[in-house]
Protein backbone atom coordinates (compact mmCIF):
# COMPACT_ATOMS: atom_id res chain seq x y z
CA UNK A 1 65.60 116.16 164.73
CA UNK A 2 67.51 114.50 162.12
CA UNK A 3 68.66 115.48 158.62
CA UNK A 4 66.57 112.93 157.58
CA UNK A 5 63.64 113.66 159.23
CA UNK A 6 63.68 117.30 158.09
CA UNK A 7 63.80 115.78 154.50
CA UNK A 8 61.01 113.64 154.61
CA UNK A 9 58.88 116.35 156.05
CA UNK A 10 60.53 119.02 153.10
CA UNK A 11 57.13 118.60 151.20
CA UNK A 12 55.28 120.09 154.26
CA UNK A 13 57.67 122.52 154.74
CA UNK A 14 57.57 124.24 151.37
CA UNK A 15 53.81 123.44 151.23
CA UNK A 16 53.17 125.28 154.71
CA UNK A 17 51.38 122.75 155.86
CA UNK A 18 54.04 121.04 158.19
CA UNK A 19 52.11 123.07 161.31
CA UNK A 20 52.71 120.61 164.05
CA UNK A 21 56.22 120.08 163.30
CA UNK A 22 57.21 123.56 162.50
CA UNK A 23 58.76 124.74 165.36
CA UNK A 24 60.95 121.53 165.39
CA UNK A 25 61.66 122.50 161.75
CA UNK A 26 62.73 125.99 162.21
CA UNK A 27 64.79 124.59 165.06
CA UNK A 28 66.64 122.35 162.87
CA UNK A 29 67.30 125.32 160.50
CA UNK A 30 68.98 127.07 162.79
CA UNK A 31 71.39 124.45 163.51
CA UNK A 32 71.85 122.99 159.98
CA UNK A 33 73.68 124.69 156.91
CA UNK A 34 72.82 121.73 154.82
CA UNK A 35 69.23 121.70 155.66
CA UNK A 36 68.94 125.32 154.84
CA UNK A 37 71.06 125.11 151.83
CA UNK A 38 68.27 122.23 150.93
CA UNK A 39 65.18 123.89 151.60
CA UNK A 40 66.60 127.03 149.94
CA UNK A 41 67.05 125.35 147.01
CA UNK A 42 64.07 123.40 146.55
CA UNK A 43 62.19 126.43 146.61
CA UNK A 44 64.04 128.71 143.91
CA UNK A 45 64.09 125.72 141.53
CA UNK A 46 60.40 125.00 142.07
CA UNK A 47 59.90 129.42 141.43
CA UNK A 48 62.27 129.13 138.44
CA UNK A 49 59.63 125.82 136.81
CA UNK A 50 56.45 127.79 137.99
CA UNK A 51 58.16 130.90 135.69
CA UNK A 52 58.53 129.19 132.85
CA UNK A 53 61.43 130.89 132.00
CA UNK A 54 64.41 129.19 130.25
CA UNK A 55 67.70 129.41 131.09
CA UNK A 56 70.41 128.64 128.67
CA UNK A 57 72.62 125.66 129.85
CA UNK A 58 76.42 126.51 129.43
CA UNK A 59 77.59 124.21 126.85
CA UNK A 60 80.00 122.28 128.94
CA UNK A 61 77.58 121.34 131.62
CA UNK A 62 74.94 120.47 129.36
CA UNK A 63 77.73 118.12 127.72
CA UNK A 64 78.40 116.93 131.27
CA UNK A 65 75.15 116.01 132.43
CA UNK A 66 74.44 114.60 128.63
CA UNK A 67 77.80 112.15 129.27
CA UNK A 68 76.48 111.35 132.70
CA UNK A 69 72.70 110.23 131.67
CA UNK A 70 74.46 108.15 129.02
CA UNK A 71 77.02 106.48 131.15
CA UNK A 72 73.93 105.94 133.35
CA UNK A 73 71.29 104.65 130.99
CA UNK A 74 74.51 102.00 129.62
CA UNK A 75 74.25 100.82 133.16
CA UNK A 76 70.68 100.08 132.80
CA UNK A 77 68.57 102.89 134.14
C-alpha cells in the first residue's frame, strides 16, 4: 500500500469502517512514520474539535496565519 492509497482511506480508518483493508492499513502504518503521524494528528484534531475547547493561538502564529491567508486571497482564492 502506498501513502496515497492510505490517505484515500484515512476517513474509513478513523471511522473504523475500513474492515476489508484494515490489515493493509495497519501494515502500512508499521512501516510509514509519516502516515502514522498524519493519522494521529487527524484523530487529535477531531478530538479537540469535538470537545469544543478553545485554545489561545500565540500572537506570532496568528499573525503568520493571517498574513498567509491574506496573501492567498490577494492571489485569488
